[in-house]
Amino acid sequence: GAANAMAGVAHAWLDRDPVLIVTADFPETMWGKHTHQLLDLAALFRPVTNATIRLTAAAVNEQIRDALRLVQNGRPGPVHLSLAGAVADETIAVLTPQAPQPDVMAASPGAVATAAALLRSARRPLLLVGLGLEPERPYPELRELAAALNAPVIDTPKAKGSLPAAHPLCGGTIGLMQSDPAYALLDEADCFIA
């Protein structure tokens, strides 16, 4: 089951989707002695998760709190929790985890002023949009910014459609083929907003 979940977890990793995957695991005393359904799950999930955590009765509250923080802060993405049967059978005092607040990065006033100055001096600005945008949602702010700057909007496959293809400032999609016309717009731009 854990191996079968790998494709979904990898997809969540690429899309930066916050997912908790909980797998059963063998106790450490069985490692190296059992041949059926025994995989190194930490090694399996490590490349496509923010963390892989082997739950223990002594630290489960802290481990769950850490997992909830890791799944959504910084680069959101999956976290793997591994639970051995013996640990699952133990009685522990469970503290209700508070939902951690996502990290919020606020730009300093100086950084905003610098960015505004760069935009004012740009002759060929370009907007590059990708992960984090849901193509089916309307984005009036994106359209307004593109129109105010008279800047083409290039999207990645994950944000394709955030500006309709028929819109005069739609510059196309990059990341599908090296010959995409949108790459010429990237070469011509003197300022990127991503």
N, C-alpha and C. Protein backbone atom coordinates (compact mmCIF):
# COMPACT_ATOMS: atom_id res chain seq x y z
N GLY A 1 0.81 -1.21 0.00
CA GLY A 1 0.00 0.00 0.00
C GLY A 1 0.84 1.26 0.00
N ALA A 2 1.91 1.28 0.79
CA ALA A 2 2.76 2.47 0.84
C ALA A 2 3.43 2.70 -0.51
N ALA A 3 3.89 1.62 -1.14
CA ALA A 3 4.53 1.76 -2.45
C ALA A 3 3.51 2.24 -3.49
N ASN A 4 2.28 1.77 -3.40
CA ASN A 4 1.24 2.21 -4.33
C ASN A 4 0.89 3.69 -4.14
N ALA A 5 1.06 4.20 -2.95
CA ALA A 5 0.75 5.61 -2.67
C ALA A 5 1.82 6.55 -3.21
N MET A 6 2.96 5.99 -3.60
CA MET A 6 4.10 6.82 -4.01
C MET A 6 3.76 7.78 -5.14
N ALA A 7 3.01 7.34 -6.13
CA ALA A 7 2.68 8.23 -7.26
C ALA A 7 1.87 9.43 -6.79
N GLY A 8 0.91 9.21 -5.92
CA GLY A 8 0.11 10.32 -5.40
C GLY A 8 0.93 11.27 -4.55
N VAL A 9 1.82 10.73 -3.73
CA VAL A 9 2.67 11.56 -2.88
C VAL A 9 3.63 12.38 -3.76
N ALA A 10 4.19 11.76 -4.78
CA ALA A 10 5.08 12.49 -5.69
C ALA A 10 4.33 13.61 -6.40
N HIS A 11 3.09 13.35 -6.79
CA HIS A 11 2.28 14.38 -7.43
C HIS A 11 2.05 15.55 -6.47
N ALA A 12 1.72 15.24 -5.22
CA ALA A 12 1.52 16.28 -4.21
C ALA A 12 2.80 17.07 -3.99
N TRP A 13 3.95 16.40 -4.03
CA TRP A 13 5.25 17.07 -3.87
C TRP A 13 5.47 18.08 -4.99
N LEU A 14 5.23 17.66 -6.22
CA LEU A 14 5.43 18.54 -7.37
C LEU A 14 4.46 19.72 -7.36
N ASP A 15 3.23 19.48 -6.88
CA ASP A 15 2.22 20.53 -6.84
C ASP A 15 2.25 21.35 -5.56
N ARG A 16 3.16 20.98 -4.64
CA ARG A 16 3.26 21.66 -3.35
C ARG A 16 1.95 21.62 -2.58
N ASP A 17 1.31 20.45 -2.61
CA ASP A 17 0.06 20.24 -1.89
C ASP A 17 0.35 19.71 -0.49
N PRO A 18 -0.28 20.28 0.53
CA PRO A 18 -0.07 19.79 1.89
C PRO A 18 -0.82 18.48 2.12
N VAL A 19 -0.09 17.39 2.25
CA VAL A 19 -0.67 16.06 2.42
C VAL A 19 0.07 15.34 3.55
N LEU A 20 -0.69 14.72 4.44
CA LEU A 20 -0.10 13.82 5.43
C LEU A 20 -0.36 12.40 4.97
N ILE A 21 0.69 11.60 4.85
CA ILE A 21 0.51 10.19 4.53
C ILE A 21 0.97 9.39 5.75
N VAL A 22 0.09 8.52 6.21
CA VAL A 22 0.38 7.68 7.37
C VAL A 22 0.48 6.25 6.90
N THR A 23 1.59 5.61 7.18
CA THR A 23 1.77 4.22 6.79
C THR A 23 2.04 3.37 8.02
N ALA A 24 1.63 2.12 7.91
CA ALA A 24 1.97 1.14 8.95
C ALA A 24 3.43 0.77 8.74
N ASP A 25 4.05 0.32 9.81
CA ASP A 25 5.46 -0.05 9.70
C ASP A 25 5.74 -1.21 10.66
N PHE A 26 6.79 -1.92 10.38
CA PHE A 26 7.22 -3.00 11.25
C PHE A 26 8.06 -2.43 12.39
N PRO A 27 8.06 -3.06 13.54
CA PRO A 27 8.96 -2.62 14.60
C PRO A 27 10.40 -2.86 14.17
N GLU A 28 11.30 -2.09 14.73
CA GLU A 28 12.71 -2.19 14.35
C GLU A 28 13.27 -3.58 14.60
N THR A 29 12.70 -4.31 15.53
CA THR A 29 13.19 -5.66 15.81
C THR A 29 12.98 -6.60 14.64
N MET A 30 12.09 -6.25 13.72
CA MET A 30 11.82 -7.10 12.55
C MET A 30 12.71 -6.76 11.36
N TRP A 31 13.35 -5.59 11.38
CA TRP A 31 14.17 -5.18 10.24
C TRP A 31 15.30 -6.19 10.06
N GLY A 32 15.47 -6.62 8.83
CA GLY A 32 16.52 -7.58 8.51
C GLY A 32 16.13 -9.02 8.79
N LYS A 33 14.96 -9.25 9.37
CA LYS A 33 14.53 -10.61 9.71
C LYS A 33 13.25 -11.01 9.00
N HIS A 34 12.59 -10.07 8.38
CA HIS A 34 11.30 -10.33 7.75
C HIS A 34 11.40 -9.95 6.28
N THR A 35 10.85 -10.77 5.40
CA THR A 35 10.99 -10.51 3.98
C THR A 35 9.71 -10.06 3.30
N HIS A 36 8.58 -10.19 3.96
CA HIS A 36 7.31 -9.87 3.31
C HIS A 36 6.85 -8.45 3.67
N GLN A 37 6.65 -7.63 2.66
CA GLN A 37 6.14 -6.27 2.80
C GLN A 37 7.00 -5.39 3.70
N LEU A 38 8.28 -5.64 3.72
CA LEU A 38 9.16 -4.80 4.54
C LEU A 38 10.02 -3.95 3.62
N LEU A 39 9.69 -2.67 3.56
CA LEU A 39 10.45 -1.70 2.77
C LEU A 39 10.96 -0.62 3.70
N ASP A 40 12.05 0.01 3.32
CA ASP A 40 12.54 1.16 4.05
C ASP A 40 11.68 2.35 3.61
N LEU A 41 10.57 2.56 4.33
CA LEU A 41 9.61 3.59 3.92
C LEU A 41 10.19 4.99 4.02
N ALA A 42 11.05 5.23 4.99
CA ALA A 42 11.68 6.55 5.09
C ALA A 42 12.50 6.84 3.82
N ALA A 43 13.26 5.86 3.37
CA ALA A 43 14.05 6.04 2.14
C ALA A 43 13.15 6.19 0.92
N LEU A 44 12.03 5.49 0.91
CA LEU A 44 11.10 5.56 -0.21
C LEU A 44 10.50 6.96 -0.34
N PHE A 45 10.05 7.52 0.78
CA PHE A 45 9.34 8.79 0.74
C PHE A 45 10.23 10.02 0.90
N ARG A 46 11.44 9.88 1.38
CA ARG A 46 12.31 11.03 1.65
C ARG A 46 12.46 11.98 0.45
N PRO A 47 12.65 11.48 -0.78
CA PRO A 47 12.85 12.42 -1.90
C PRO A 47 11.63 13.26 -2.27
N VAL A 48 10.43 12.83 -1.85
CA VAL A 48 9.22 13.54 -2.28
C VAL A 48 8.37 14.00 -1.09
N THR A 49 9.00 14.22 0.05
CA THR A 49 8.28 14.74 1.21
C THR A 49 9.13 15.80 1.90
N ASN A 50 8.47 16.62 2.68
CA ASN A 50 9.20 17.60 3.49
C ASN A 50 9.87 16.92 4.67
N ALA A 51 9.34 15.78 5.08
CA ALA A 51 9.94 15.01 6.17
C ALA A 51 9.30 13.64 6.20
N THR A 52 10.02 12.69 6.74
CA THR A 52 9.47 11.39 7.04
C THR A 52 9.75 11.14 8.52
N ILE A 53 8.69 10.90 9.27
CA ILE A 53 8.78 10.84 10.73
C ILE A 53 8.27 9.49 11.22
N ARG A 54 9.11 8.80 11.98
CA ARG A 54 8.71 7.54 12.60
C ARG A 54 8.10 7.88 13.96
N LEU A 55 6.79 7.73 14.09
CA LEU A 55 6.09 8.11 15.31
C LEU A 55 6.49 7.22 16.49
N THR A 56 6.67 7.85 17.63
CA THR A 56 6.95 7.13 18.86
C THR A 56 5.94 7.59 19.91
N ALA A 57 5.60 6.70 20.84
CA ALA A 57 4.64 7.05 21.88
C ALA A 57 5.15 8.20 22.74
N ALA A 58 6.43 8.22 23.00
CA ALA A 58 7.00 9.24 23.89
C ALA A 58 6.96 10.64 23.28
N ALA A 59 6.99 10.75 21.95
CA ALA A 59 7.11 12.06 21.32
C ALA A 59 6.00 12.36 20.32
N VAL A 60 4.94 11.56 20.30
CA VAL A 60 3.93 11.68 19.25
C VAL A 60 3.30 13.07 19.18
N ASN A 61 3.06 13.71 20.32
CA ASN A 61 2.44 15.04 20.28
C ASN A 61 3.33 16.04 19.57
N GLU A 62 4.62 16.04 19.91
CA GLU A 62 5.55 16.96 19.25
C GLU A 62 5.71 16.59 17.77
N GLN A 63 5.76 15.29 17.49
CA GLN A 63 5.93 14.85 16.11
C GLN A 63 4.74 15.26 15.23
N ILE A 64 3.53 15.13 15.75
CA ILE A 64 2.35 15.55 14.98
C ILE A 64 2.35 17.06 14.79
N ARG A 65 2.70 17.79 15.84
CA ARG A 65 2.78 19.25 15.72
C ARG A 65 3.81 19.63 14.65
N ASP A 66 4.98 18.98 14.67
CA ASP A 66 6.01 19.25 13.66
C ASP A 66 5.51 18.92 12.26
N ALA A 67 4.82 17.78 12.13
CA ALA A 67 4.31 17.37 10.82
C ALA A 67 3.32 18.39 10.28
N LEU A 68 2.42 18.87 11.12
CA LEU A 68 1.43 19.87 10.67
C LEU A 68 2.10 21.18 10.27
N ARG A 69 3.18 21.53 10.94
CA ARG A 69 3.92 22.74 10.57
C ARG A 69 4.65 22.53 9.24
N LEU A 70 5.31 21.39 9.10
CA LEU A 70 6.10 21.11 7.90
C LEU A 70 5.25 20.93 6.65
N VAL A 71 4.04 20.46 6.81
CA VAL A 71 3.19 20.20 5.65
C VAL A 71 2.74 21.49 4.96
N GLN A 72 2.73 22.62 5.72
CA GLN A 72 2.21 23.84 5.10
C GLN A 72 3.14 25.04 5.12
N ASN A 73 4.21 25.01 5.88
CA ASN A 73 5.09 26.17 5.94
C ASN A 73 6.30 26.00 5.03
N GLY A 74 6.89 27.15 4.67
CA GLY A 74 8.03 27.11 3.75
C GLY A 74 7.54 26.64 2.40
N ARG A 75 8.05 25.53 1.94
CA ARG A 75 7.58 24.92 0.70
C ARG A 75 6.52 23.90 1.10
N PRO A 76 5.23 24.21 0.95
CA PRO A 76 4.21 23.23 1.34
C PRO A 76 4.41 21.92 0.59
N GLY A 77 4.01 20.84 1.23
CA GLY A 77 4.13 19.54 0.57
C GLY A 77 3.88 18.42 1.55
N PRO A 78 3.96 17.20 1.06
CA PRO A 78 3.64 16.03 1.88
C PRO A 78 4.63 15.80 3.02
N VAL A 79 4.10 15.19 4.07
CA VAL A 79 4.91 14.70 5.18
C VAL A 79 4.48 13.26 5.41
N HIS A 80 5.46 12.38 5.55
CA HIS A 80 5.20 10.96 5.78
C HIS A 80 5.32 10.64 7.26
N LEU A 81 4.28 10.01 7.80
CA LEU A 81 4.29 9.54 9.18
C LEU A 81 4.25 8.03 9.16
N SER A 82 5.18 7.40 9.84
CA SER A 82 5.28 5.95 9.90
C SER A 82 4.89 5.50 11.30
N LEU A 83 4.00 4.52 11.39
CA LEU A 83 3.48 4.07 12.68
C LEU A 83 3.57 2.56 12.79
N ALA A 84 4.39 2.10 13.71
CA ALA A 84 4.49 0.66 13.97
C ALA A 84 3.29 0.22 14.81
N GLY A 85 2.86 -1.00 14.60
CA GLY A 85 1.69 -1.53 15.30
C GLY A 85 1.82 -1.46 16.81
N ALA A 86 3.00 -1.77 17.34
CA ALA A 86 3.20 -1.74 18.79
C ALA A 86 3.01 -0.34 19.35
N VAL A 87 3.42 0.66 18.59
CA VAL A 87 3.24 2.05 19.03
C VAL A 87 1.77 2.43 18.96
N ALA A 88 1.08 1.96 17.93
CA ALA A 88 -0.34 2.26 17.78
C ALA A 88 -1.16 1.66 18.91
N ASP A 89 -0.69 0.56 19.49
CA ASP A 89 -1.41 -0.09 20.59
C ASP A 89 -1.21 0.58 21.94
N GLU A 90 -0.21 1.46 22.05
CA GLU A 90 0.08 2.09 23.34
C GLU A 90 -0.96 3.16 23.67
N THR A 91 -1.22 3.34 24.95
CA THR A 91 -2.12 4.40 25.41
C THR A 91 -1.27 5.61 25.76
N ILE A 92 -1.64 6.74 25.17
CA ILE A 92 -0.89 7.97 25.43
C ILE A 92 -1.88 9.11 25.68
N ALA A 93 -1.41 10.14 26.33
CA ALA A 93 -2.21 11.35 26.50
C ALA A 93 -2.01 12.20 25.27
N VAL A 94 -3.06 12.35 24.51
CA VAL A 94 -2.97 13.11 23.27
C VAL A 94 -3.38 14.55 23.53
N LEU A 95 -2.52 15.45 23.20
CA LEU A 95 -2.85 16.87 23.27
C LEU A 95 -3.47 17.28 21.96
N THR A 96 -4.51 18.04 21.98
CA THR A 96 -5.13 18.49 20.74
C THR A 96 -4.18 19.46 20.06
N PRO A 97 -3.70 19.07 18.88
CA PRO A 97 -2.74 19.98 18.22
C PRO A 97 -3.45 21.21 17.69
N GLN A 98 -2.85 22.36 17.93
CA GLN A 98 -3.37 23.58 17.35
C GLN A 98 -2.86 23.67 15.92
N ALA A 99 -3.74 24.09 15.04
CA ALA A 99 -3.33 24.25 13.65
C ALA A 99 -2.28 25.35 13.58
N PRO A 100 -1.09 25.02 13.12
CA PRO A 100 -0.05 26.05 13.03
C PRO A 100 -0.42 27.08 11.96
N GLN A 101 -0.04 28.29 12.21
CA GLN A 101 -0.28 29.35 11.24
C GLN A 101 0.81 29.29 10.17
N PRO A 102 0.42 29.41 8.91
CA PRO A 102 1.44 29.40 7.86
C PRO A 102 2.41 30.57 8.04
N ASP A 103 3.65 30.33 7.62
CA ASP A 103 4.64 31.40 7.65
C ASP A 103 4.19 32.49 6.68
N VAL A 104 4.29 33.72 7.11
CA VAL A 104 3.94 34.84 6.25
C VAL A 104 5.19 35.69 6.10
N MET A 105 5.58 35.86 4.86
CA MET A 105 6.76 36.66 4.59
C MET A 105 6.30 38.03 4.11
N ALA A 106 6.52 39.03 4.92
CA ALA A 106 6.15 40.40 4.55
C ALA A 106 7.39 41.10 4.01
N ALA A 107 7.19 41.79 2.92
CA ALA A 107 8.29 42.54 2.33
C ALA A 107 8.52 43.81 3.12
N SER A 108 9.75 44.18 3.26
CA SER A 108 10.07 45.43 3.95
C SER A 108 9.68 46.60 3.05
N PRO A 109 9.40 47.77 3.64
CA PRO A 109 9.07 48.94 2.80
C PRO A 109 10.17 49.24 1.80
N GLY A 110 11.41 49.03 2.19
CA GLY A 110 12.52 49.28 1.26
C GLY A 110 12.49 48.35 0.06
N ALA A 111 12.15 47.08 0.31
CA ALA A 111 12.07 46.11 -0.79
C ALA A 111 10.93 46.47 -1.74
N VAL A 112 9.81 46.93 -1.18
CA VAL A 112 8.66 47.33 -2.02
C VAL A 112 9.04 48.54 -2.87
N ALA A 113 9.72 49.49 -2.28
CA ALA A 113 10.14 50.68 -3.02
C ALA A 113 11.12 50.32 -4.13
N THR A 114 12.03 49.41 -3.85
CA THR A 114 13.00 48.96 -4.87
C THR A 114 12.28 48.27 -6.02
N ALA A 115 11.33 47.39 -5.69
CA ALA A 115 10.57 46.69 -6.73
C ALA A 115 9.76 47.67 -7.57
N ALA A 116 9.14 48.66 -6.92
CA ALA A 116 8.36 49.65 -7.66
C ALA A 116 9.24 50.45 -8.61
N ALA A 117 10.44 50.80 -8.15
CA ALA A 117 11.37 51.54 -9.01
C ALA A 117 11.79 50.70 -10.21
N LEU A 118 12.03 49.42 -9.99
CA LEU A 118 12.38 48.53 -11.11
C LEU A 118 11.25 48.45 -12.12
N LEU A 119 10.03 48.35 -11.62
CA LEU A 119 8.87 48.28 -12.53
C LEU A 119 8.71 49.58 -13.32
N ARG A 120 8.89 50.71 -12.64
CA ARG A 120 8.74 52.00 -13.34
C ARG A 120 9.78 52.16 -14.45
N SER A 121 10.96 51.63 -14.26
CA SER A 121 12.02 51.79 -15.26
C SER A 121 11.99 50.70 -16.33
N ALA A 122 11.18 49.67 -16.14
CA ALA A 122 11.14 48.56 -17.12
C ALA A 122 10.48 49.01 -18.42
N ARG A 123 11.08 48.59 -19.51
CA ARG A 123 10.49 48.87 -20.83
C ARG A 123 9.68 47.69 -21.34
N ARG A 124 10.10 46.48 -20.93
CA ARG A 124 9.41 45.27 -21.39
C ARG A 124 9.21 44.32 -20.20
N PRO A 125 8.32 44.70 -19.25
CA PRO A 125 8.08 43.81 -18.11
C PRO A 125 7.28 42.58 -18.55
N LEU A 126 7.38 41.55 -17.76
CA LEU A 126 6.69 40.29 -18.06
C LEU A 126 6.22 39.68 -16.74
N LEU A 127 5.02 39.14 -16.74
CA LEU A 127 4.49 38.43 -15.57
C LEU A 127 4.60 36.94 -15.82
N LEU A 128 5.18 36.23 -14.87
CA LEU A 128 5.33 34.78 -14.96
C LEU A 128 4.57 34.18 -13.79
N VAL A 129 3.51 33.41 -14.10
CA VAL A 129 2.66 32.85 -13.04
C VAL A 129 2.71 31.33 -13.09
N GLY A 130 2.65 30.73 -11.90
CA GLY A 130 2.75 29.27 -11.84
C GLY A 130 2.04 28.70 -10.65
N LEU A 131 2.73 27.82 -9.93
CA LEU A 131 2.14 27.14 -8.78
C LEU A 131 1.52 28.14 -7.83
N GLY A 132 0.42 27.74 -7.24
CA GLY A 132 -0.27 28.61 -6.30
C GLY A 132 -1.50 29.25 -6.92
N LEU A 133 -1.54 29.31 -8.23
CA LEU A 133 -2.73 29.82 -8.90
C LEU A 133 -3.59 28.65 -9.35
N GLU A 134 -4.87 28.78 -9.17
CA GLU A 134 -5.80 27.76 -9.62
C GLU A 134 -6.38 28.24 -10.94
N PRO A 135 -6.13 27.54 -12.03
CA PRO A 135 -6.55 28.03 -13.35
C PRO A 135 -8.04 28.32 -13.47
N GLU A 136 -8.87 27.58 -12.72
CA GLU A 136 -10.31 27.78 -12.88
C GLU A 136 -10.83 29.03 -12.16
N ARG A 137 -9.99 29.65 -11.34
CA ARG A 137 -10.44 30.86 -10.64
C ARG A 137 -10.19 32.08 -11.52
N PRO A 138 -11.08 33.06 -11.46
CA PRO A 138 -10.77 34.32 -12.15
C PRO A 138 -9.77 35.11 -11.31
N TYR A 139 -8.88 35.78 -11.96
CA TYR A 139 -7.87 36.57 -11.28
C TYR A 139 -7.91 38.00 -11.79
N PRO A 140 -8.88 38.78 -11.30
CA PRO A 140 -8.97 40.17 -11.79
C PRO A 140 -7.70 40.96 -11.48
N GLU A 141 -7.05 40.67 -10.35
CA GLU A 141 -5.83 41.39 -10.00
C GLU A 141 -4.72 41.13 -11.01
N LEU A 142 -4.64 39.88 -11.49
CA LEU A 142 -3.64 39.54 -12.50
C LEU A 142 -3.91 40.30 -13.79
N ARG A 143 -5.17 40.33 -14.19
CA ARG A 143 -5.53 41.06 -15.43
C ARG A 143 -5.26 42.55 -15.27
N GLU A 144 -5.61 43.11 -14.10
CA GLU A 144 -5.40 44.55 -13.87
C GLU A 144 -3.92 44.89 -13.89
N LEU A 145 -3.09 44.06 -13.24
CA LEU A 145 -1.66 44.32 -13.21
C LEU A 145 -1.07 44.21 -14.61
N ALA A 146 -1.45 43.18 -15.34
CA ALA A 146 -0.95 43.02 -16.71
C ALA A 146 -1.33 44.21 -17.58
N ALA A 147 -2.58 44.67 -17.44
CA ALA A 147 -3.03 45.81 -18.24
C ALA A 147 -2.30 47.09 -17.82
N ALA A 148 -2.13 47.31 -16.53
CA ALA A 148 -1.46 48.52 -16.05
C ALA A 148 -0.01 48.58 -16.53
N LEU A 149 0.65 47.43 -16.59
CA LEU A 149 2.04 47.38 -17.03
C LEU A 149 2.18 47.16 -18.54
N ASN A 150 1.06 46.83 -19.19
CA ASN A 150 1.07 46.40 -20.58
C ASN A 150 2.09 45.27 -20.75
N ALA A 151 2.00 44.30 -19.83
CA ALA A 151 2.97 43.21 -19.77
C ALA A 151 2.33 41.89 -20.16
N PRO A 152 2.99 41.12 -21.00
CA PRO A 152 2.46 39.79 -21.29
C PRO A 152 2.52 38.91 -20.04
N VAL A 153 1.62 37.95 -19.99
CA VAL A 153 1.56 36.99 -18.89
C VAL A 153 1.89 35.61 -19.45
N ILE A 154 2.93 35.01 -18.92
CA ILE A 154 3.29 33.64 -19.29
C ILE A 154 2.97 32.77 -18.09
N ASP A 155 2.36 31.63 -18.37
CA ASP A 155 2.04 30.72 -17.28
C ASP A 155 2.81 29.41 -17.43
N THR A 156 2.88 28.68 -16.33
CA THR A 156 3.44 27.34 -16.35
C THR A 156 2.27 26.37 -16.47
N PRO A 157 2.52 25.10 -16.75
CA PRO A 157 1.41 24.17 -16.91
C PRO A 157 0.46 24.12 -15.71
N LYS A 158 0.97 24.33 -14.49
CA LYS A 158 0.10 24.27 -13.31
C LYS A 158 -0.83 25.46 -13.22
N ALA A 159 -0.53 26.56 -13.90
CA ALA A 159 -1.37 27.76 -13.83
C ALA A 159 -1.99 28.08 -15.19
N LYS A 160 -1.88 27.17 -16.13
CA LYS A 160 -2.40 27.40 -17.47
C LYS A 160 -3.88 27.74 -17.38
N GLY A 161 -4.24 28.85 -17.97
CA GLY A 161 -5.63 29.29 -17.96
C GLY A 161 -5.90 30.38 -16.93
N SER A 162 -4.93 30.73 -16.10
CA SER A 162 -5.15 31.80 -15.13
C SER A 162 -5.42 33.13 -15.83
N LEU A 163 -4.90 33.27 -17.02
CA LEU A 163 -5.26 34.35 -17.93
C LEU A 163 -5.72 33.64 -19.21
N PRO A 164 -6.95 33.85 -19.64
CA PRO A 164 -7.45 33.09 -20.80
C PRO A 164 -6.55 33.24 -22.02
N ALA A 165 -6.44 32.17 -22.78
CA ALA A 165 -5.57 32.17 -23.97
C ALA A 165 -5.99 33.23 -24.98
N ALA A 166 -7.26 33.61 -24.99
CA ALA A 166 -7.74 34.61 -25.94
C ALA A 166 -7.42 36.04 -25.49
N HIS A 167 -6.97 36.23 -24.26
CA HIS A 167 -6.65 37.57 -23.76
C HIS A 167 -5.46 38.12 -24.54
N PRO A 168 -5.51 39.39 -24.94
CA PRO A 168 -4.42 39.94 -25.76
C PRO A 168 -3.05 39.94 -25.07
N LEU A 169 -3.01 39.88 -23.74
CA LEU A 169 -1.72 39.86 -23.04
C LEU A 169 -1.27 38.46 -22.65
N CYS A 170 -2.02 37.44 -23.07
CA CYS A 170 -1.61 36.06 -22.78
C CYS A 170 -0.42 35.72 -23.66
N GLY A 171 0.71 35.42 -22.99
CA GLY A 171 1.94 35.13 -23.73
C GLY A 171 2.19 33.65 -23.94
N GLY A 172 1.31 32.81 -23.41
CA GLY A 172 1.47 31.37 -23.61
C GLY A 172 1.99 30.67 -22.38
N THR A 173 2.31 29.40 -22.60
CA THR A 173 2.74 28.52 -21.51
C THR A 173 4.17 28.08 -21.76
N ILE A 174 4.98 28.09 -20.69
CA ILE A 174 6.33 27.56 -20.81
C ILE A 174 6.42 26.25 -20.04
N GLY A 175 7.43 25.49 -20.35
CA GLY A 175 7.68 24.26 -19.62
C GLY A 175 7.16 23.02 -20.30
N LEU A 176 6.51 23.18 -21.43
CA LEU A 176 6.02 22.01 -22.15
C LEU A 176 7.03 21.57 -23.20
N MET A 177 7.49 22.52 -24.01
CA MET A 177 8.48 22.22 -25.05
C MET A 177 9.43 23.40 -25.16
N GLN A 178 10.67 23.14 -25.46
CA GLN A 178 11.66 24.21 -25.60
C GLN A 178 11.34 25.16 -26.75
N SER A 179 10.51 24.74 -27.67
CA SER A 179 10.18 25.57 -28.82
C SER A 179 8.94 26.43 -28.59
N ASP A 180 8.39 26.43 -27.37
CA ASP A 180 7.20 27.25 -27.09
C ASP A 180 7.51 28.71 -27.41
N PRO A 181 6.58 29.39 -28.11
CA PRO A 181 6.80 30.81 -28.43
C PRO A 181 7.00 31.70 -27.21
N ALA A 182 6.50 31.29 -26.07
CA ALA A 182 6.63 32.10 -24.86
C ALA A 182 8.09 32.34 -24.49
N TYR A 183 8.99 31.43 -24.87
CA TYR A 183 10.40 31.60 -24.52
C TYR A 183 11.00 32.84 -25.19
N ALA A 184 10.50 33.21 -26.37
CA ALA A 184 10.99 34.43 -27.03
C ALA A 184 10.62 35.65 -26.20
N LEU A 185 9.43 35.64 -25.58
CA LEU A 185 9.04 36.76 -24.72
C LEU A 185 9.96 36.85 -23.49
N LEU A 186 10.36 35.71 -22.96
CA LEU A 186 11.29 35.72 -21.83
C LEU A 186 12.62 36.37 -22.22
N ASP A 187 13.08 36.05 -23.41
CA ASP A 187 14.36 36.60 -23.88
C ASP A 187 14.28 38.11 -24.06
N GLU A 188 13.11 38.63 -24.42
CA GLU A 188 12.95 40.06 -24.70
C GLU A 188 12.68 40.89 -23.44
N ALA A 189 12.22 40.25 -22.38
CA ALA A 189 11.82 40.98 -21.17
C ALA A 189 13.02 41.56 -20.45
N ASP A 190 12.80 42.73 -19.84
CA ASP A 190 13.87 43.32 -19.03
C ASP A 190 13.51 43.36 -17.55
N CYS A 191 12.34 42.84 -17.20
CA CYS A 191 11.91 42.79 -15.81
C CYS A 191 10.87 41.68 -15.67
N PHE A 192 11.06 40.81 -14.68
CA PHE A 192 10.14 39.70 -14.43
C PHE A 192 9.42 39.91 -13.12
N ILE A 193 8.14 39.63 -13.12
CA ILE A 193 7.38 39.51 -11.88
C ILE A 193 6.89 38.08 -11.86
N ALA A 194 7.32 37.34 -10.87
CA ALA A 194 6.94 35.92 -10.80
C ALA A 194 6.08 35.68 -9.59
